[in-house]
């Protein structure tokens, strides 16, 4: 099969990769669509020492291993877990001590013709959800994880820092709570996409210091963190939604003095994400800025790294 293979921070297109054989309890999935996300780009830069097939946002069709799903479109949770460690036994499987992670940690990813995942990780895509839209299930679930960790109400003043792929989804999901929401970024055309949905937007200068109950940092850079931090009132909550390729420095003493709650946020729930897509409560179509065939994968990565570009999709069909 064809696959985009990362080796020593170099990406290449291979055409002779063996089709994976699903072990017991896993399904063979033919990938039809996959999305390039910031984590893929950071892995390319060396964020984590991964070698193998990249990609974890996908829609596929089950071909073997799960009889009830054969021929069905599915999306898949990216953490494959052991069910035996303390985190699995306490209902926190995304932190499994022995997990593999699709296209990120010790498991071949989705930028290929086929992948394998545990059957329990797979979710059928509703007929009403287009394949392109379903590709956003994983990052949309990650956006929803914030509301699994923090209670957000209409009385809260909330700031989202970052207008990129994840920031767009975080903003749309938080807007559904009815909170007093402001999204700031550096790209007017991206902010306009949110403004069209009735979400208040602005540049960094629009942020008033110490005036927000919750801030969500979606940029993965030090400047974004600084904006999110200075925006918080005492006893506010700061959610870090992006991985950081470099070292982050900040004034830890101010976190203590202001009693700031700092939360890391990663993977989230797929079922409500699919429900939001099925009921069209979020709009992902404007976020798609490019479609490429798998054999054009290197060009797709170049496009995904271009300034101002949001989601780039790979088409395997």
Protein backbone atom coordinates (compact mmCIF):
# COMPACT_ATOMS: atom_id res chain seq x y z
CA UNK A 1 0.00 0.00 0.00
CA UNK A 2 0.98 3.68 -0.26
CA UNK A 3 1.83 5.60 2.89
CA UNK A 4 3.43 8.84 4.09
CA UNK A 5 6.37 7.70 6.18
CA UNK A 6 8.29 9.86 8.66
CA UNK A 7 11.89 8.87 9.35
CA UNK A 8 14.43 11.07 11.14
CA UNK A 9 12.26 14.18 10.60
CA UNK A 10 12.05 13.49 6.87
CA UNK A 11 8.71 12.72 5.23
CA UNK A 12 8.54 10.48 2.18
CA UNK A 13 5.89 8.76 0.10
CA UNK A 14 6.32 4.98 0.00
CA UNK A 15 4.39 2.67 -2.31
CA UNK A 16 5.50 -0.74 -1.03
CA UNK A 17 4.42 -0.71 2.63
CA UNK A 18 2.77 -4.02 3.66
CA UNK A 19 -0.95 -3.84 4.40
CA UNK A 20 -1.25 -4.26 8.18
CA UNK A 21 -2.67 -7.48 9.59
CA UNK A 22 -5.18 -6.74 12.37
CA UNK A 23 -4.44 -8.63 15.59
CA UNK A 24 -7.23 -10.20 17.63
CA UNK A 25 -9.70 -7.55 18.74
CA UNK A 26 -8.74 -5.09 16.01
CA UNK A 27 -10.23 -4.21 12.64
CA UNK A 28 -8.67 -3.53 9.26
CA UNK A 29 -9.89 -0.15 8.03
CA UNK A 30 -9.51 1.17 4.49
CA UNK A 31 -8.80 4.88 4.86
CA UNK A 32 -10.83 7.16 2.59
CA UNK A 33 -10.03 10.57 4.06
CA UNK A 34 -7.50 11.96 6.55
CA UNK A 35 -6.68 15.42 7.88
CA UNK A 36 -3.31 17.03 8.55
CA UNK A 37 -3.19 18.66 11.97
CA UNK A 38 -0.66 20.69 13.93
CA UNK A 39 0.54 17.61 15.81
CA UNK A 40 1.58 16.06 12.49
CA UNK A 41 3.49 19.22 11.62
CA UNK A 42 5.16 19.28 15.04
CA UNK A 43 6.18 15.61 14.69
CA UNK A 44 7.79 16.56 11.39
CA UNK A 45 9.83 19.15 13.32
CA UNK A 46 10.86 16.65 15.98
CA UNK A 47 8.33 17.37 18.75
CA UNK A 48 8.38 13.64 19.61
CA UNK A 49 10.79 10.96 18.31
CA UNK A 50 8.27 9.13 16.13
CA UNK A 51 9.19 7.12 13.06
CA UNK A 52 6.49 5.56 10.89
CA UNK A 53 3.20 6.46 9.20
CA UNK A 54 1.80 9.80 10.36
CA UNK A 55 -1.85 10.77 10.73
CA UNK A 56 -4.63 10.32 13.29
CA UNK A 57 -7.66 12.24 11.97
CA UNK A 58 -9.44 9.92 9.53
CA UNK A 59 -12.58 8.42 8.08
CA UNK A 60 -12.41 4.86 6.80
CA UNK A 61 -14.44 1.82 5.80
CA UNK A 62 -14.14 -1.39 7.83
CA UNK A 63 -13.03 -4.32 5.68
CA UNK A 64 -12.20 -7.01 8.24
CA UNK A 65 -12.31 -7.79 11.96
CA UNK A 66 -15.61 -6.23 13.06
CA UNK A 67 -18.52 -8.07 11.47
CA UNK A 68 -21.15 -5.56 12.57
CA UNK A 69 -19.20 -2.72 10.93
CA UNK A 70 -18.11 -4.34 7.65
CA UNK A 71 -18.64 -1.85 4.82
CA UNK A 72 -19.53 0.96 7.22
CA UNK A 73 -17.85 4.37 7.43
CA UNK A 74 -16.10 4.81 10.76
CA UNK A 75 -13.91 7.21 12.69
CA UNK A 76 -11.59 6.03 15.42
CA UNK A 77 -10.38 7.09 18.85
CA UNK A 78 -6.62 7.28 18.63
CA UNK A 79 -5.53 5.74 21.97
CA UNK A 80 -5.28 1.94 22.04
CA UNK A 81 -5.19 0.88 25.68
CA UNK A 82 -4.32 -2.10 27.89
CA UNK A 83 -7.40 -2.22 30.18
CA UNK A 84 -5.17 -3.36 33.05
CA UNK A 85 -3.17 -0.37 34.34
CA UNK A 86 -4.39 1.96 37.10
CA UNK A 87 -5.63 4.57 34.64
CA UNK A 88 -7.67 2.07 32.61
CA UNK A 89 -9.13 0.53 35.78
CA UNK A 90 -10.08 3.97 37.12
CA UNK A 91 -11.92 5.00 33.94
CA UNK A 92 -9.16 7.20 32.51
CA UNK A 93 -8.05 5.14 29.49
CA UNK A 94 -6.64 8.08 27.50
CA UNK A 95 -3.82 8.08 30.07
CA UNK A 96 -3.19 4.33 29.87
CA UNK A 97 0.40 3.67 30.93
CA UNK A 98 0.88 1.25 28.03
CA UNK A 99 -1.14 2.97 25.32
CA UNK A 100 -0.19 3.26 21.71
CA UNK A 101 -1.43 6.31 19.83
CA UNK A 102 -2.39 6.30 16.17
CA UNK A 103 0.32 7.97 14.11
CA UNK A 104 1.98 9.41 17.22
CA UNK A 105 3.25 6.73 19.65
CA UNK A 106 4.16 3.19 18.58
CA UNK A 107 1.22 2.72 16.19
CA UNK A 108 1.17 3.26 12.43
CA UNK A 109 -1.11 6.11 11.42
CA UNK A 110 -3.79 7.11 8.95
CA UNK A 111 -1.83 8.65 6.07
CA UNK A 112 -1.97 5.33 4.24
CA UNK A 113 -4.38 3.13 2.32
CA UNK A 114 -5.08 1.01 5.43
CA UNK A 115 -4.77 1.12 9.21
CA UNK A 116 -5.74 -1.08 12.15
CA UNK A 117 -7.39 -0.05 15.42
CA UNK A 118 -9.14 -1.87 18.26
CA UNK A 119 -12.78 -2.50 17.37
CA UNK A 120 -13.83 -0.75 20.58
CA UNK A 121 -12.20 2.47 19.28
CA UNK A 122 -14.39 2.66 16.18
CA UNK A 123 -17.56 4.73 15.82
CA UNK A 124 -19.93 4.52 12.87
CA UNK A 125 -20.38 7.79 11.00
CA UNK A 126 -24.06 8.79 10.72
CA UNK A 127 -25.37 8.82 7.16
CA UNK A 128 -26.18 12.52 7.48
CA UNK A 129 -22.51 13.44 8.05
CA UNK A 130 -20.41 13.95 4.93
CA UNK A 131 -17.03 12.22 4.79
CA UNK A 132 -15.11 15.51 4.70
CA UNK A 133 -16.97 16.72 7.80
CA UNK A 134 -16.47 13.42 9.64
CA UNK A 135 -12.71 13.87 9.29
CA UNK A 136 -13.03 16.58 11.93
CA UNK A 137 -14.43 14.19 14.57
CA UNK A 138 -11.14 13.72 16.43
CA UNK A 139 -10.21 17.42 16.75
CA UNK A 140 -13.83 18.33 17.50
CA UNK A 141 -13.82 15.75 20.30
CA UNK A 142 -10.60 17.32 21.58
CA UNK A 143 -12.36 20.69 21.64
CA UNK A 144 -15.24 19.19 23.62
CA UNK A 145 -12.83 17.78 26.19
CA UNK A 146 -12.56 21.28 27.68
CA UNK A 147 -16.18 21.05 28.80
CA UNK A 148 -15.46 17.62 30.31
CA UNK A 149 -12.81 19.26 32.48
CA UNK A 150 -14.31 22.67 33.24
CA UNK A 151 -17.94 23.62 33.86
CA UNK A 152 -18.73 26.50 31.50
CA UNK A 153 -21.94 28.49 31.94
CA UNK A 154 -23.62 31.51 30.41
CA UNK A 155 -22.33 33.65 33.27
CA UNK A 156 -18.67 32.97 32.45
CA UNK A 157 -16.47 35.32 30.47
CA UNK A 158 -14.29 33.15 28.24
CA UNK A 159 -11.29 33.92 26.03
CA UNK A 160 -9.96 31.69 23.24
CA UNK A 161 -6.47 32.59 22.06
CA UNK A 162 -5.76 31.34 18.55
CA UNK A 163 -7.73 31.35 15.30
CA UNK A 164 -6.21 28.22 13.76
CA UNK A 165 -7.74 24.80 13.13
CA UNK A 166 -8.24 23.87 16.77
CA UNK A 167 -9.10 27.38 17.92
CA UNK A 168 -11.94 27.49 15.39
CA UNK A 169 -13.46 24.28 16.78
CA UNK A 170 -12.90 25.25 20.42
CA UNK A 171 -14.64 28.57 19.78
CA UNK A 172 -17.64 26.98 18.08
CA UNK A 173 -18.15 24.43 20.85
CA UNK A 174 -17.76 26.96 23.66
CA UNK A 175 -20.20 29.31 21.92
CA UNK A 176 -22.89 26.65 22.34
CA UNK A 177 -22.73 27.14 26.14
CA UNK A 178 -23.98 30.71 25.83
CA UNK A 179 -20.90 32.07 27.62
CA UNK A 180 -19.60 35.60 27.03
CA UNK A 181 -16.98 34.57 24.48
CA UNK A 182 -14.13 36.44 22.79
CA UNK A 183 -11.74 34.86 20.28
CA UNK A 184 -8.49 36.61 19.43
CA UNK A 185 -6.00 35.80 16.71
CA UNK A 186 -3.67 37.25 14.11
CA UNK A 187 -5.49 36.42 10.86
CA UNK A 188 -8.50 38.57 10.05
CA UNK A 189 -9.87 36.17 7.43
CA UNK A 190 -9.94 33.36 9.99
CA UNK A 191 -11.56 35.56 12.61
CA UNK A 192 -14.15 36.59 10.01
CA UNK A 193 -15.20 32.93 9.75
CA UNK A 194 -16.14 32.96 13.46
CA UNK A 195 -17.64 36.43 13.32
CA UNK A 196 -20.00 35.16 10.61
CA UNK A 197 -21.35 32.75 13.22
CA UNK A 198 -22.03 35.58 15.66
CA UNK A 199 -18.90 35.00 17.77
CA UNK A 200 -17.11 38.10 19.05
CA UNK A 201 -13.56 38.32 17.68
CA UNK A 202 -10.59 40.65 17.80
CA UNK A 203 -6.84 41.05 17.77
CA UNK A 204 -4.68 40.68 20.89
CA UNK A 205 -5.21 44.35 21.74
CA UNK A 206 -8.89 43.57 22.37
CA UNK A 207 -8.01 41.55 25.50
CA UNK A 208 -8.48 43.38 28.78
CA UNK A 209 -6.16 42.23 31.57
CA UNK A 210 -7.64 40.31 34.49
CA UNK A 211 -11.16 40.27 33.08
CA UNK A 212 -11.85 36.64 32.09
CA UNK A 213 -12.91 33.62 34.14
CA UNK A 214 -11.54 31.08 31.66
CA UNK A 215 -8.96 31.34 28.91
CA UNK A 216 -8.11 28.62 26.41
CA UNK A 217 -4.68 28.76 24.76
CA UNK A 218 -4.74 27.21 21.27
CA UNK A 219 -1.60 28.66 19.66
CA UNK A 220 1.13 26.50 21.18
CA UNK A 221 3.49 29.47 21.45
CA UNK A 222 4.78 31.64 24.27
CA UNK A 223 3.08 34.81 23.06
CA UNK A 224 -0.30 33.10 23.06
CA UNK A 225 0.27 31.78 26.57
CA UNK A 226 1.15 35.27 27.79
CA UNK A 227 -2.10 36.70 26.40
CA UNK A 228 -4.19 33.90 27.90
CA UNK A 229 -2.50 34.28 31.29
CA UNK A 230 -2.77 38.07 31.63
CA UNK A 231 -6.45 37.91 30.71
CA UNK A 232 -7.41 35.90 33.78
CA UNK A 233 -8.96 37.18 36.96
CA UNK A 234 -7.81 35.79 40.29
CA UNK A 235 -8.89 32.14 40.64
CA UNK A 236 -9.38 31.91 36.91
CA UNK A 237 -8.72 28.79 34.85
CA UNK A 238 -6.17 28.50 32.04
CA UNK A 239 -6.59 25.56 29.65
CA UNK A 240 -3.65 24.58 27.46
CA UNK A 241 -5.05 22.99 24.33
CA UNK A 242 -1.90 22.85 22.15
CA UNK A 243 1.37 20.99 22.44
CA UNK A 244 4.50 23.16 22.64
CA UNK A 245 7.44 22.29 20.41
CA UNK A 246 9.89 24.35 22.49
CA UNK A 247 10.32 25.24 26.14
CA UNK A 248 7.69 27.50 27.70
CA UNK A 249 8.72 29.98 30.40
CA UNK A 250 6.29 31.88 32.62
CA UNK A 251 5.97 33.53 36.02
CA UNK A 252 4.98 30.63 38.26
CA UNK A 253 4.73 32.87 41.33
CA UNK A 254 1.85 34.82 39.78
CA UNK A 255 -0.07 31.57 39.33
CA UNK A 256 0.29 30.95 43.05
CA UNK A 257 -0.60 34.48 44.13
CA UNK A 258 -3.69 34.62 41.88
CA UNK A 259 -4.57 30.96 42.61
CA UNK A 260 -4.82 30.15 38.92
CA UNK A 261 -5.94 26.68 37.89
CA UNK A 262 -3.78 25.35 35.03
CA UNK A 263 -5.25 22.47 32.99
CA UNK A 264 -3.74 20.47 30.16
CA UNK A 265 -6.36 19.21 27.71
CA UNK A 266 -5.96 16.51 25.07
CA UNK A 267 -8.30 13.85 23.64
CA UNK A 268 -12.06 14.04 24.02
CA UNK A 269 -15.41 12.25 23.51
CA UNK A 270 -16.31 11.06 20.01
CA UNK A 271 -20.04 10.41 20.47
CA UNK A 272 -21.03 14.05 21.22
CA UNK A 273 -18.63 15.22 18.50
CA UNK A 274 -20.45 13.10 15.92
CA UNK A 275 -23.77 14.36 17.27
CA UNK A 276 -22.70 17.98 16.76
CA UNK A 277 -21.70 17.18 13.18
CA UNK A 278 -24.94 15.29 12.51
CA UNK A 279 -27.08 18.14 13.86
CA UNK A 280 -24.92 20.74 12.13
CA UNK A 281 -24.36 22.70 15.33
CA UNK A 282 -20.78 23.27 14.19
CA UNK A 283 -19.67 24.16 10.67
CA UNK A 284 -16.37 22.67 9.51
CA UNK A 285 -16.66 23.11 5.75
CA UNK A 286 -15.12 26.65 5.74
CA UNK A 287 -12.07 25.25 7.55
CA UNK A 288 -11.06 23.05 4.60
CA UNK A 289 -8.39 24.88 2.60
CA UNK A 290 -7.06 22.08 0.43
CA UNK A 291 -7.67 18.54 -0.83
CA UNK A 292 -4.89 16.31 -2.16
CA UNK A 293 -4.56 12.71 -3.25
CA UNK A 294 -2.37 10.52 -1.07
CA UNK A 295 0.29 10.39 -3.79
CA UNK A 296 0.42 14.20 -3.53
CA UNK A 297 1.02 13.97 0.20
CA UNK A 298 4.31 15.86 0.24
CA UNK A 299 2.69 18.80 -1.54
CA UNK A 300 -0.21 18.57 0.92
CA UNK A 301 2.20 18.97 3.84
CA UNK A 302 3.81 21.96 2.16
CA UNK A 303 0.36 23.54 1.80
CA UNK A 304 -0.57 22.73 5.39
CA UNK A 305 2.52 24.59 6.61
CA UNK A 306 1.70 27.71 4.58
CA UNK A 307 0.68 30.85 6.42
CA UNK A 308 -3.05 31.28 6.79
CA UNK A 309 -3.97 27.73 5.77
CA UNK A 310 -6.39 25.79 7.99
CA UNK A 311 -7.27 22.14 7.31
CA UNK A 312 -5.74 20.18 4.44
CA UNK A 313 -7.32 16.82 3.64
CA UNK A 314 -5.82 13.74 2.01
CA UNK A 315 -8.17 11.73 -0.22
CA UNK A 316 -7.44 8.01 -0.55
CA UNK A 317 -10.52 6.99 -2.54
